[in-house]
Amino acid sequence: IIARAKSDAEALAADTRKSLAESLERRTKVAEEKIARAEAQALGEVRAAAVDMAVAAAEKILRGKVVGQDASSLIDASIRDIKGRLN
């Protein structure tokens, strides 16, 4: 009886260790995936902010240098072109 109980206890302990290792591996993988998604989102946000800043700077420069009747349409076209290239 004692040998059987000891064998059962050892088997249960081995199963528990295996389950714990598998659970830890799954949780680690989920955490790493969340981190990767957060990094990608942060990078996208930084890129979007850089695009917005570049467009604003280009608009300011163009508005200061371009005058006349075609200035507005030229500026609008240039801004669209810059946004397309930076995104």
C-alpha atoms as a PDB file:
ATOM      1  CA  ILE A   1       0.000   0.000   0.000  1.00  0.00           C
ATOM      2  CA  ILE A   2       2.797   2.393   0.943  1.00  0.00           C
ATOM      3  CA  ALA A   3       4.745   1.643  -2.226  1.00  0.00           C
ATOM      4  CA  ARG A   4       1.627   2.183  -4.306  1.00  0.00           C
ATOM      5  CA  ALA A   5       0.877   5.500  -2.567  1.00  0.00           C
ATOM      6  CA  LYS A   6       4.475   6.610  -3.044  1.00  0.00           C
ATOM      7  CA  SER A   7       4.324   5.693  -6.742  1.00  0.00           C
ATOM      8  CA  ASP A   8       1.023   7.532  -7.163  1.00  0.00           C
ATOM      9  CA  ALA A   9       2.405  10.585  -5.383  1.00  0.00           C
ATOM     10  CA  GLU A  10       5.482  10.632  -7.614  1.00  0.00           C
ATOM     11  CA  ALA A  11       3.352  10.293 -10.733  1.00  0.00           C
ATOM     12  CA  LEU A  12       1.057  13.089  -9.558  1.00  0.00           C
ATOM     13  CA  ALA A  13       4.057  15.311  -8.795  1.00  0.00           C
ATOM     14  CA  ALA A  14       5.518  14.639 -12.247  1.00  0.00           C
ATOM     15  CA  ASP A  15       2.189  15.452 -13.919  1.00  0.00           C
ATOM     16  CA  THR A  16       1.871  18.620 -11.875  1.00  0.00           C
ATOM     17  CA  ARG A  17       5.392  19.748 -12.796  1.00  0.00           C
ATOM     18  CA  LYS A  18       4.677  19.047 -16.459  1.00  0.00           C
ATOM     19  CA  SER A  19       1.372  20.956 -16.350  1.00  0.00           C
ATOM     20  CA  LEU A  20       3.021  23.861 -14.579  1.00  0.00           C
ATOM     21  CA  ALA A  21       5.827  24.004 -17.156  1.00  0.00           C
ATOM     22  CA  GLU A  22       3.318  23.925 -20.024  1.00  0.00           C
ATOM     23  CA  SER A  23       1.199  26.622 -18.397  1.00  0.00           C
ATOM     24  CA  LEU A  24       4.256  28.789 -17.816  1.00  0.00           C
ATOM     25  CA  GLU A  25       5.319  28.320 -21.437  1.00  0.00           C
ATOM     26  CA  ARG A  26       1.857  29.328 -22.705  1.00  0.00           C
ATOM     27  CA  ARG A  27       1.737  32.393 -20.471  1.00  0.00           C
ATOM     28  CA  THR A  28       5.221  33.432 -21.535  1.00  0.00           C
ATOM     29  CA  LYS A  29       4.260  33.108 -25.190  1.00  0.00           C
ATOM     30  CA  VAL A  30       1.090  35.189 -24.655  1.00  0.00           C
ATOM     31  CA  ALA A  31       3.080  37.854 -22.810  1.00  0.00           C
ATOM     32  CA  GLU A  32       5.697  37.987 -25.569  1.00  0.00           C
ATOM     33  CA  GLU A  33       2.958  38.340 -28.198  1.00  0.00           C
ATOM     34  CA  LYS A  34       1.351  41.187 -26.230  1.00  0.00           C
ATOM     35  CA  ILE A  35       4.718  42.922 -25.978  1.00  0.00           C
ATOM     36  CA  ALA A  36       5.307  42.527 -29.720  1.00  0.00           C
ATOM     37  CA  ARG A  37       1.858  43.981 -30.493  1.00  0.00           C
ATOM     38  CA  ALA A  38       2.464  46.899 -28.127  1.00  0.00           C
ATOM     39  CA  GLU A  39       5.853  47.580 -29.731  1.00  0.00           C
ATOM     40  CA  ALA A  40       4.325  47.522 -33.206  1.00  0.00           C
ATOM     41  CA  GLN A  41       1.533  49.857 -32.117  1.00  0.00           C
ATOM     42  CA  ALA A  42       4.003  52.252 -30.483  1.00  0.00           C
ATOM     43  CA  LEU A  43       6.167  52.255 -33.601  1.00  0.00           C
ATOM     44  CA  GLY A  44       3.120  53.011 -35.733  1.00  0.00           C
ATOM     45  CA  GLU A  45       2.157  55.871 -33.447  1.00  0.00           C
ATOM     46  CA  VAL A  46       5.670  57.319 -33.572  1.00  0.00           C
ATOM     47  CA  ARG A  47       5.705  57.075 -37.358  1.00  0.00           C
ATOM     48  CA  ALA A  48       2.304  58.745 -37.593  1.00  0.00           C
ATOM     49  CA  ALA A  49       3.467  61.541 -35.311  1.00  0.00           C
ATOM     50  CA  ALA A  50       6.609  61.997 -37.416  1.00  0.00           C
ATOM     51  CA  VAL A  51       4.507  62.178 -40.572  1.00  0.00           C
ATOM     52  CA  ASP A  52       2.207  64.760 -39.008  1.00  0.00           C
ATOM     53  CA  MET A  53       5.170  66.849 -37.883  1.00  0.00           C
ATOM     54  CA  ALA A  54       6.841  66.646 -41.293  1.00  0.00           C
ATOM     55  CA  VAL A  55       3.636  67.657 -43.030  1.00  0.00           C
ATOM     56  CA  ALA A  56       3.119  70.579 -40.668  1.00  0.00           C
ATOM     57  CA  ALA A  57       6.705  71.742 -41.190  1.00  0.00           C
ATOM     58  CA  ALA A  58       6.416  71.421 -44.962  1.00  0.00           C
ATOM     59  CA  GLU A  59       3.129  73.309 -44.934  1.00  0.00           C
ATOM     60  CA  LYS A  60       4.647  76.113 -42.881  1.00  0.00           C
ATOM     61  CA  ILE A  61       7.644  76.389 -45.191  1.00  0.00           C
ATOM     62  CA  LEU A  62       5.516  76.303 -48.326  1.00  0.00           C
ATOM     63  CA  ARG A  63       3.053  78.864 -47.025  1.00  0.00           C
ATOM     64  CA  GLY A  64       5.937  81.194 -46.231  1.00  0.00           C
ATOM     65  CA  LYS A  65       7.578  80.865 -49.631  1.00  0.00           C
ATOM     66  CA  VAL A  66       4.729  80.445 -52.080  1.00  0.00           C
ATOM     67  CA  VAL A  67       2.511  83.400 -52.937  1.00  0.00           C
ATOM     68  CA  GLY A  68      -0.037  84.185 -55.547  1.00  0.00           C
ATOM     69  CA  GLN A  69      -3.115  82.582 -56.990  1.00  0.00           C
ATOM     70  CA  ASP A  70      -1.674  79.062 -57.360  1.00  0.00           C
ATOM     71  CA  ALA A  71      -0.173  78.960 -53.869  1.00  0.00           C
ATOM     72  CA  SER A  72      -3.099  77.240 -52.174  1.00  0.00           C
ATOM     73  CA  SER A  73      -3.490  74.501 -54.778  1.00  0.00           C
ATOM     74  CA  LEU A  74       0.272  73.944 -54.928  1.00  0.00           C
ATOM     75  CA  ILE A  75       0.486  73.676 -51.154  1.00  0.00           C
ATOM     76  CA  ASP A  76      -2.446  71.260 -50.960  1.00  0.00           C
ATOM     77  CA  ALA A  77      -0.968  69.055 -53.685  1.00  0.00           C
ATOM     78  CA  SER A  78       2.448  69.095 -52.031  1.00  0.00           C
ATOM     79  CA  ILE A  79       0.999  68.136 -48.653  1.00  0.00           C
ATOM     80  CA  ARG A  80      -0.909  65.223 -50.187  1.00  0.00           C
ATOM     81  CA  ASP A  81       2.250  64.100 -51.943  1.00  0.00           C
ATOM     82  CA  ILE A  82       4.314  64.285 -48.726  1.00  0.00           C
ATOM     83  CA  LYS A  83       1.692  62.361 -46.745  1.00  0.00           C
ATOM     84  CA  GLY A  84       1.616  59.648 -49.388  1.00  0.00           C
ATOM     85  CA  ARG A  85       5.375  59.271 -49.375  1.00  0.00           C
ATOM     86  CA  LEU A  86       5.783  59.266 -45.589  1.00  0.00           C
ATOM     87  CA  ASN A  87       2.995  56.801 -44.855  1.00  0.00           C
END
